[in-house]
Protein backbone atom coordinates (compact mmCIF):
# COMPACT_ATOMS: atom_id res chain seq x y z
CA MET A 1 -0.08 0.08 0.19
CA SER A 2 1.14 3.62 -0.83
CA VAL A 3 -0.23 6.58 0.61
CA TYR A 4 -0.05 10.12 -0.59
CA ASP A 5 -1.38 13.54 0.23
CA ARG A 6 -2.50 16.06 -2.34
CA HIS A 7 1.24 17.64 -2.55
CA SER A 8 2.85 14.04 -3.56
CA VAL A 9 0.30 12.36 -5.75
CA PRO A 10 2.49 10.54 -8.19
CA ASP A 11 2.51 11.03 -11.97
CA GLY A 12 1.24 7.33 -12.22
CA VAL A 13 0.41 4.17 -10.55
CA GLY A 14 0.74 0.50 -11.60
CA ARG A 15 0.50 -3.06 -10.76
CA GLY A 16 2.59 -5.10 -8.49
CA THR A 17 2.05 -8.69 -7.89
CA LEU A 18 -1.55 -9.80 -7.37
CA ASP A 19 -2.26 -11.16 -3.80
CA PRO A 20 -1.82 -15.16 -4.14
CA GLU A 21 -5.24 -15.42 -2.09
CA LEU A 22 -7.07 -13.24 -4.43
CA ALA A 23 -5.38 -15.11 -7.46
CA ALA A 24 -6.65 -18.47 -6.23
CA TRP A 25 -10.10 -17.18 -5.17
CA LEU A 26 -11.11 -15.10 -8.53
CA PRO A 27 -11.75 -17.90 -11.01
CA THR A 28 -14.16 -19.26 -8.59
CA GLY A 29 -16.07 -16.23 -7.91
CA PRO A 30 -18.58 -13.95 -9.70
CA VAL A 31 -17.40 -11.68 -12.48
CA LEU A 32 -18.62 -8.12 -12.71
CA GLY A 33 -19.43 -6.92 -16.41
CA ALA A 34 -19.44 -10.79 -17.54
CA ASP A 35 -21.67 -11.67 -20.85
CA GLU A 36 -24.53 -12.75 -19.15
CA ARG A 37 -28.37 -11.87 -18.40
CA VAL A 38 -28.79 -9.11 -15.62
CA ALA A 39 -30.57 -11.54 -13.62
CA ASP A 40 -27.95 -14.02 -13.74
CA ALA A 41 -25.21 -11.41 -13.02
CA ARG A 42 -27.16 -10.48 -9.74
CA ARG A 43 -27.64 -14.27 -9.05
CA SER A 44 -24.03 -14.95 -9.25
CA HIS A 45 -23.26 -12.10 -6.95
CA ARG A 46 -25.07 -13.52 -4.08
CA VAL A 47 -22.20 -15.70 -3.10
CA LEU A 48 -20.62 -12.62 -1.65
CA ALA A 49 -23.42 -12.48 1.01
CA ASP A 50 -22.95 -16.00 2.13
CA VAL A 51 -19.74 -15.58 4.41
CA PRO A 52 -19.37 -15.36 8.15
CA LEU A 53 -19.85 -11.91 9.49
CA PRO A 54 -18.10 -10.51 12.53
CA PRO A 55 -20.36 -9.02 15.28
CA VAL A 56 -21.47 -5.57 15.13
CA GLY A 57 -23.26 -3.61 17.84
CA ALA A 58 -26.72 -3.18 15.83
CA VAL A 59 -28.10 -3.40 12.66
CA GLU A 60 -31.35 -1.64 11.76
CA HIS A 61 -33.29 -1.55 8.60
CA LEU A 62 -34.74 1.77 7.71
CA VAL A 63 -37.27 2.56 4.81
CA LEU A 64 -37.47 6.07 3.75
CA HIS A 65 -40.09 7.86 1.58
CA GLY A 66 -37.67 8.66 -1.23
CA PRO A 67 -38.28 10.55 -4.53
CA HIS A 68 -38.99 7.52 -6.28
CA GLY A 69 -40.85 5.63 -3.72
CA SER A 70 -39.61 3.46 -1.05
CA LEU A 71 -35.93 3.47 -0.25
CA PRO A 72 -34.34 0.90 2.07
CA VAL A 73 -31.21 1.84 4.25
CA ARG A 74 -29.57 -0.69 6.20
CA VAL A 75 -27.73 0.96 9.46
CA HIS A 76 -24.72 -0.58 11.13
CA THR A 77 -23.91 0.77 14.61
CA PRO A 78 -20.72 -0.05 16.35
CA ALA A 79 -20.49 -1.77 19.59
CA ARG A 80 -17.96 1.16 20.78
CA PRO A 81 -18.63 4.27 18.95
CA ALA A 82 -15.70 6.43 18.67
CA ARG A 83 -17.62 9.37 20.21
CA THR A 84 -21.05 10.58 21.20
CA PRO A 85 -22.76 11.76 18.88
CA CYS A 86 -20.76 9.59 16.52
CA GLY A 87 -19.87 10.06 12.80
CA ALA A 88 -21.52 8.23 10.06
CA LEU A 89 -20.92 7.18 6.44
CA VAL A 90 -23.57 7.11 3.92
CA TYR A 91 -22.43 4.33 1.51
CA LEU A 92 -23.34 3.93 -2.14
CA HIS A 93 -22.61 0.48 -3.02
CA GLY A 94 -20.99 -0.51 -6.57
CA GLY A 95 -21.95 -2.88 -9.16
CA GLY A 96 -22.24 -0.94 -12.36
CA TYR A 97 -25.66 0.46 -11.44
CA THR A 98 -26.91 -2.97 -12.17
CA VAL A 99 -25.76 -5.34 -9.57
CA GLY A 100 -25.65 -5.21 -5.75
CA THR A 101 -27.59 -5.17 -2.62
CA PRO A 102 -26.59 -4.49 1.00
CA ASP A 103 -26.45 -8.14 1.65
CA GLU A 104 -23.28 -8.39 -0.43
CA PHE A 105 -21.68 -5.47 1.35
CA GLU A 106 -22.66 -6.39 4.75
CA LEU A 107 -19.13 -7.95 5.77
CA PRO A 108 -17.13 -4.42 4.64
CA MET A 109 -19.93 -2.52 6.14
CA ARG A 110 -19.43 -4.06 9.62
CA ILE A 111 -15.58 -4.05 9.39
CA ILE A 112 -15.88 -0.10 8.69
CA ALA A 113 -18.54 0.56 11.32
CA GLU A 114 -16.55 -1.49 14.15
CA THR A 115 -13.02 -0.53 13.19
CA ALA A 116 -13.89 3.16 12.61
CA GLY A 117 -16.34 3.49 15.41
CA ILE A 118 -18.98 4.96 13.25
CA LYS A 119 -22.50 4.30 11.78
CA THR A 120 -22.78 3.18 8.19
CA TYR A 121 -26.10 3.82 6.20
CA VAL A 122 -26.05 1.56 3.04
CA VAL A 123 -28.36 2.81 0.38
CA ASP A 124 -30.54 0.17 -1.30
CA TYR A 125 -31.11 2.52 -4.24
CA HIS A 126 -33.00 1.37 -7.51
CA LEU A 127 -30.99 -0.48 -9.80
CA ALA A 128 -30.71 0.00 -13.80
CA PRO A 129 -31.91 -1.02 -16.21
CA GLU A 130 -35.15 -0.85 -14.69
CA SER A 131 -34.35 2.61 -13.41
CA LYS A 132 -32.28 5.13 -15.23
CA TYR A 133 -30.09 8.20 -14.61
CA PRO A 134 -30.68 10.55 -12.55
CA VAL A 135 -33.04 8.18 -10.46
CA GLN A 136 -30.00 6.83 -8.47
CA ILE A 137 -28.43 10.15 -8.14
CA GLU A 138 -31.68 11.75 -6.69
CA GLU A 139 -32.25 8.70 -4.40
CA ASN A 140 -28.47 8.82 -2.75
CA GLU A 141 -28.59 12.48 -2.38
CA PHE A 142 -31.98 12.17 -0.84
CA ALA A 143 -30.43 9.74 1.72
CA LEU A 144 -27.68 11.99 2.56
CA ARG A 145 -30.04 15.03 2.96
CA TRP A 146 -32.26 12.82 5.21
CA LEU A 147 -29.54 11.89 7.56
CA ARG A 148 -28.33 15.48 7.70
CA THR A 149 -31.66 16.58 8.86
CA HIS A 150 -32.41 13.41 11.27
CA ALA A 151 -28.83 13.21 12.53
CA ARG A 152 -29.55 14.03 16.25
CA GLU A 153 -32.36 11.47 16.48
CA GLN A 154 -30.00 8.92 14.77
CA GLY A 155 -27.31 9.83 17.38
CA VAL A 156 -25.22 11.25 14.62
CA ASP A 157 -23.20 14.46 14.51
CA PRO A 158 -24.62 16.23 11.34
CA CYS A 159 -20.94 17.78 10.89
CA ARG A 160 -19.40 14.45 10.73
CA ILE A 161 -21.24 12.58 7.79
CA ALA A 162 -19.27 11.40 5.19
CA LEU A 163 -20.48 10.22 1.64
CA GLY A 164 -18.87 7.23 -0.03
CA GLY A 165 -18.87 4.59 -2.38
CA ASP A 166 -17.17 2.10 -4.56
CA SER A 167 -16.92 1.74 -8.47
CA ALA A 168 -20.37 2.94 -9.62
CA GLY A 169 -21.00 4.05 -6.12
CA GLY A 170 -17.72 6.06 -6.21
CA ASN A 171 -18.96 7.83 -9.50
CA MET A 172 -22.02 8.84 -7.74
CA THR A 173 -20.29 9.90 -4.75
CA CYS A 174 -18.25 12.07 -7.03
CA ALA A 175 -21.41 13.43 -9.01
CA ILE A 176 -23.24 14.27 -5.84
CA THR A 177 -20.68 16.15 -4.02
CA LEU A 178 -20.25 18.09 -7.32
CA LYS A 179 -23.88 18.78 -7.48
CA LEU A 180 -24.21 19.99 -4.03
CA ARG A 181 -21.23 22.30 -4.59
CA ASP A 182 -22.74 23.75 -7.35
CA GLU A 183 -26.18 23.95 -5.68
CA GLY A 184 -24.95 25.36 -2.43
CA GLY A 185 -26.30 22.22 -0.79
CA PRO A 186 -24.96 20.40 2.66
CA VAL A 187 -21.27 19.56 2.00
CA PRO A 188 -20.36 16.31 3.63
CA ALA A 189 -17.41 15.93 6.05
CA ALA A 190 -15.68 13.66 3.50
CA GLN A 191 -16.07 11.78 0.30
CA VAL A 192 -14.74 8.39 0.12
CA LEU A 193 -14.07 7.26 -3.17
CA LEU A 194 -13.10 3.61 -3.82
CA PHE A 195 -11.77 3.00 -7.25
CA PRO A 196 -14.44 5.45 -8.68
CA GLU A 197 -15.79 5.43 -12.25
CA ALA A 198 -14.51 8.99 -12.66
CA ALA A 199 -14.61 8.35 -16.60
CA LEU A 200 -14.70 5.28 -18.97
CA PRO A 201 -11.78 3.34 -19.02
CA PHE A 202 -11.50 2.20 -22.59
CA ASP A 203 -8.58 4.34 -23.63
CA THR A 204 -6.21 3.83 -20.59
CA GLU A 205 -3.40 1.40 -19.92
CA SER A 206 -5.32 0.05 -16.93
CA GLY A 207 -8.46 -0.64 -18.96
CA SER A 208 -6.37 -2.71 -21.60
CA GLU A 209 -4.04 -4.44 -19.19
CA ASN A 210 -6.62 -5.46 -16.71
CA ARG A 211 -9.46 -5.98 -19.40
CA THR A 212 -10.27 -9.58 -18.28
CA GLY A 213 -9.73 -11.94 -15.20
CA HIS A 214 -9.70 -9.53 -12.27
CA TYR A 215 -13.14 -9.39 -11.17
CA LEU A 216 -14.40 -6.26 -13.27
CA GLU A 217 -14.10 -6.85 -17.04
CA THR A 218 -13.40 -3.77 -19.04
CA ALA A 219 -16.00 -4.64 -21.72
CA GLY A 220 -18.61 -5.10 -19.31
CA VAL A 221 -18.51 -1.15 -18.70
CA PHE A 222 -20.18 -0.70 -22.00
CA LEU A 223 -23.08 -2.49 -20.67
CA PHE A 224 -23.28 -0.68 -17.54
CA ALA A 225 -23.24 2.45 -19.35
CA TRP A 226 -26.22 1.12 -21.53
CA ASN A 227 -28.30 0.13 -18.54
CA TYR A 228 -27.75 3.40 -16.50
CA LEU A 229 -27.94 6.19 -19.17
CA PRO A 230 -31.05 7.16 -21.29
CA HIS A 231 -30.16 7.18 -24.89
CA ASP A 232 -30.44 11.26 -24.79
CA ALA A 233 -28.17 11.74 -21.75
CA ASP A 234 -24.94 13.61 -22.00
CA PRO A 235 -22.40 11.08 -21.31
CA ARG A 236 -20.03 14.01 -20.62
CA HIS A 237 -21.97 15.58 -18.16
CA PRO A 238 -19.93 15.94 -15.01
CA TYR A 239 -22.65 14.51 -12.94
CA VAL A 240 -22.22 11.32 -15.44
CA THR A 241 -18.53 11.55 -15.91
CA PRO A 242 -17.24 13.44 -13.06
CA LEU A 243 -13.60 13.74 -14.57
CA HIS A 244 -15.17 16.27 -17.12
CA ALA A 245 -16.16 18.84 -14.64
CA ALA A 246 -15.07 22.33 -15.41
CA SER A 247 -13.68 22.71 -11.80
CA HIS A 248 -13.06 20.32 -8.99
CA ALA A 249 -12.24 23.15 -6.48
CA GLY A 250 -14.23 23.60 -3.28
CA LEU A 251 -14.93 19.78 -2.73
CA PRO A 252 -15.12 18.00 0.49
CA PRO A 253 -11.79 16.21 1.80
CA ALA A 254 -11.29 13.07 -0.02
CA ILE A 255 -10.03 9.49 0.53
CA LEU A 256 -9.36 8.03 -2.98
CA VAL A 257 -8.37 4.37 -3.24
CA THR A 258 -7.20 2.60 -6.36
CA CYS A 259 -6.01 -0.72 -7.00
CA GLY A 260 -3.28 -2.06 -9.71
CA PHE A 261 -5.31 -4.85 -11.11
CA ASP A 262 -8.44 -2.73 -11.90
CA PRO A 263 -9.60 -1.48 -15.15
CA LEU A 264 -10.62 1.95 -13.41
CA ARG A 265 -7.03 2.37 -11.68
CA ASP A 266 -6.07 5.19 -14.22
CA VAL A 267 -9.33 7.22 -14.32
CA GLY A 268 -9.35 7.08 -10.65
CA HIS A 269 -5.63 8.14 -10.49
CA ALA A 270 -6.57 10.89 -12.80
CA TYR A 271 -9.37 12.06 -10.55
CA ALA A 272 -6.96 12.12 -7.55
CA ARG A 273 -4.73 14.39 -9.55
CA ARG A 274 -7.57 16.63 -10.52
CA LEU A 275 -8.68 17.09 -6.64
CA ALA A 276 -5.07 17.70 -5.79
CA ALA A 277 -4.62 20.38 -8.23
CA ALA A 278 -7.75 21.97 -7.41
CA GLY A 279 -6.46 22.38 -3.86
CA ASN A 280 -8.75 20.01 -2.10
CA ASP A 281 -7.58 17.91 1.03
CA LEU A 282 -6.84 14.68 -0.26
CA LEU A 283 -5.50 11.22 1.00
CA TYR A 284 -4.85 9.20 -2.01
CA VAL A 285 -4.32 5.17 -1.33
CA HIS A 286 -2.90 3.04 -4.05
CA HIS A 287 -2.84 -0.80 -3.50
CA PRO A 288 -0.80 -2.20 -6.56
CA ASP A 289 -1.46 -5.92 -5.37
CA LEU A 290 -5.20 -5.79 -5.15
CA THR A 291 -8.34 -5.81 -7.62
CA HIS A 292 -11.25 -3.75 -8.10
CA GLY A 293 -13.86 -4.71 -5.43
CA PHE A 294 -11.36 -5.78 -2.50
CA PRO A 295 -13.72 -4.85 0.53
CA GLN A 296 -16.28 -7.48 -0.50
CA PHE A 297 -13.38 -10.10 -0.79
CA ALA A 298 -12.04 -9.75 2.69
CA HIS A 299 -13.56 -13.24 3.75
CA TYR A 300 -11.17 -14.80 0.83
CA SER A 301 -8.20 -12.67 1.18
CA ALA A 302 -6.26 -11.36 4.32
CA ALA A 303 -4.66 -8.80 2.33
CA CYS A 304 -8.30 -7.40 1.25
CA ARG A 305 -9.41 -7.79 4.92
CA ALA A 306 -6.33 -5.60 5.81
CA ALA A 307 -6.86 -2.92 3.31
CA THR A 308 -10.58 -2.76 4.45
CA GLU A 309 -9.45 -2.26 7.95
CA ASP A 310 -6.90 0.28 7.03
CA LEU A 311 -9.41 2.15 5.04
CA ALA A 312 -11.78 2.21 8.14
CA ARG A 313 -9.17 3.69 10.33
CA MET A 314 -8.64 6.60 7.76
CA ILE A 315 -12.33 7.17 7.65
CA GLY A 316 -12.43 7.20 11.52
CA ARG A 317 -9.34 9.74 11.79
CA ARG A 318 -11.14 11.80 9.04
CA LEU A 319 -14.32 12.16 10.88
CA LEU A 320 -12.84 12.50 14.26
CA GLY A 321 -10.36 15.38 13.14
């Protein structure tokens, strides 16, 4: 693991040696962006929910009255919050806007809640292709605003609420923080960007060298874009492709993570450089030996678990600072 601040982000990052436990497990696991029906992709990912779970203080299931109907949110409360009222992370899960449920992120959310001593709020937003952009943006922004409004009754400090997500969830975290800045909305205490899809990866070195065999398939991103975007949507709009924003100044402090064996490595790195160049507070972490999706693989790889715990401690320090 290499860690940088906004003054030291390198010109490029690359691959190391793939973690042996990941290398042994990946051929048996699901594939994100495989050439298969959406229903089959969702079914294959259920294996990520069928793992032993560590204890957590409490799990609560909320149903909010969202802008597009009922909006489930799963809340994890640590056994020992780091402070009272505690910090919180509103989490937008990945899966190409098409795959994913809170069940499949239960393990990393418990690790983060307990290790950081914060509450996590996992938003079960409507998936594509049944629901198209901007439904997901509107639902996830609604969840963040709801928690800001109801923070005290949730035992949360409204000034210590972070917004974060992985992959497509990282894309939406970028988009929502840009949107809130543009509209003068409530500013999250931090944005946690795990291998975010800041742009499409097709013309990058990482998209080429990691095109298959490392969980996320580069070609599958075509499918996700097709599922997510209405045909009249502008793919260069900054709330679709955050790297294309005219300015990246004035954004919340960021924790941004990339992985060596990930098609999105280079677009995530490019976004880190944009955030740094614009003067934002940045903690940039690169794992050369891990793949896209590593927090979900914490049961299968000790390195993935350690990286998830490290991430949790970084989030905790940010929200306590």
